[in-house]
Structure formats: C-alpha cells, structure tokens
Amino acid sequence: MNGTTRANIQPGIEVKIVLKQDQRSGHLTSGIVKDLLTNSPSHPHGIKVRLESGEVGRVKVIV
C-alpha cells in the first residue's frame, strides 16, 4: 500500500518515510507512526507523519 491516502494510516502501524533531507536521494526511514500531521484526506507526495523516534517525513510505504 502507498502512503498517499490518510485513511490507510493510523498511529501504531509500521511505515517507511522519506525525510526532508533525504528527498533527493530517496532514502527511506522505517518506524512506527506516532502522529498524523497532514489533515487533508490525501496528498500526492505522501501523508506527513511523526514517528515514535521523533522524525517527521512523508509516508512512502506501509509495511
């Protein structure tokens, strides 16, 4: 599943995000969702989330 639809993402699920500084390289960071930061129902670049580690980025893959 991709991370462009907010309904697919809930706190507690494992995802892979791209951090702001990694957008050019495309490096993905894994973690557990703590908060959803995007309010709209979808976003073409991925829903922005905060991981339990504190990192913020857009969801690319739902594990």
Protein backbone atom coordinates (compact mmCIF):
# COMPACT_ATOMS: atom_id res chain seq x y z
CA MET A 1 0.00 0.00 0.00
CA ASN A 2 1.20 3.51 -0.66
CA GLY A 3 1.04 6.36 1.81
CA THR A 4 -0.92 8.95 -0.15
CA THR A 5 -4.31 8.25 1.50
CA ARG A 6 -4.83 9.34 5.11
CA ALA A 7 -7.46 6.63 5.79
CA ASN A 8 -4.78 3.91 5.31
CA ILE A 9 -2.56 5.29 8.09
CA GLN A 10 -3.20 5.09 11.83
CA PRO A 11 -0.93 5.61 14.84
CA GLY A 12 0.88 2.40 15.78
CA ILE A 13 1.43 0.98 12.28
CA GLU A 14 4.87 0.44 10.75
CA VAL A 15 5.74 2.64 7.78
CA LYS A 16 8.70 3.78 5.71
CA ILE A 17 9.03 7.54 5.30
CA VAL A 18 11.27 9.87 3.35
CA LEU A 19 12.76 12.63 5.49
CA LYS A 20 13.06 16.19 4.13
CA GLN A 21 16.85 15.93 3.83
CA ASP A 22 16.52 12.56 2.03
CA GLN A 23 14.06 13.65 -0.67
CA ARG A 24 16.77 13.93 -3.33
CA SER A 25 18.37 10.56 -2.55
CA GLY A 26 15.07 8.77 -1.85
CA HIS A 27 16.50 7.09 1.27
CA LEU A 28 13.65 5.60 3.36
CA THR A 29 13.47 5.53 7.17
CA SER A 30 11.41 2.86 8.95
CA GLY A 31 9.42 3.44 12.11
CA ILE A 32 6.12 3.35 13.97
CA VAL A 33 3.61 6.19 13.40
CA LYS A 34 3.01 8.38 16.45
CA ASP A 35 1.05 11.34 14.94
CA LEU A 36 -0.52 12.20 11.58
CA LEU A 37 0.43 15.74 10.57
CA THR A 38 -1.47 16.03 7.26
CA ASN A 39 -5.13 16.97 7.71
CA SER A 40 -6.32 16.51 4.12
CA PRO A 41 -7.70 13.08 3.08
CA SER A 42 -4.87 12.57 0.55
CA HIS A 43 -1.59 14.11 -0.59
CA PRO A 44 0.25 13.29 -3.84
CA HIS A 45 3.68 13.10 -2.13
CA GLY A 46 2.50 11.09 0.88
CA ILE A 47 0.85 11.80 4.21
CA LYS A 48 3.18 13.62 6.62
CA VAL A 49 3.66 11.79 9.91
CA ARG A 50 5.77 11.92 13.07
CA LEU A 51 7.39 8.63 14.08
CA GLU A 52 7.79 7.47 17.68
CA SER A 53 11.50 8.34 17.26
CA GLY A 54 10.50 11.99 16.64
CA GLU A 55 11.43 12.01 12.95
CA VAL A 56 9.00 13.73 10.57
CA GLY A 57 8.51 12.80 6.94
CA ARG A 58 6.09 11.66 4.24
CA VAL A 59 4.87 8.07 4.11
CA LYS A 60 6.07 6.18 1.02
CA VAL A 61 5.37 2.56 2.06
CA ILE A 62 3.00 0.99 4.59
CA VAL A 63 4.69 -2.17 5.88
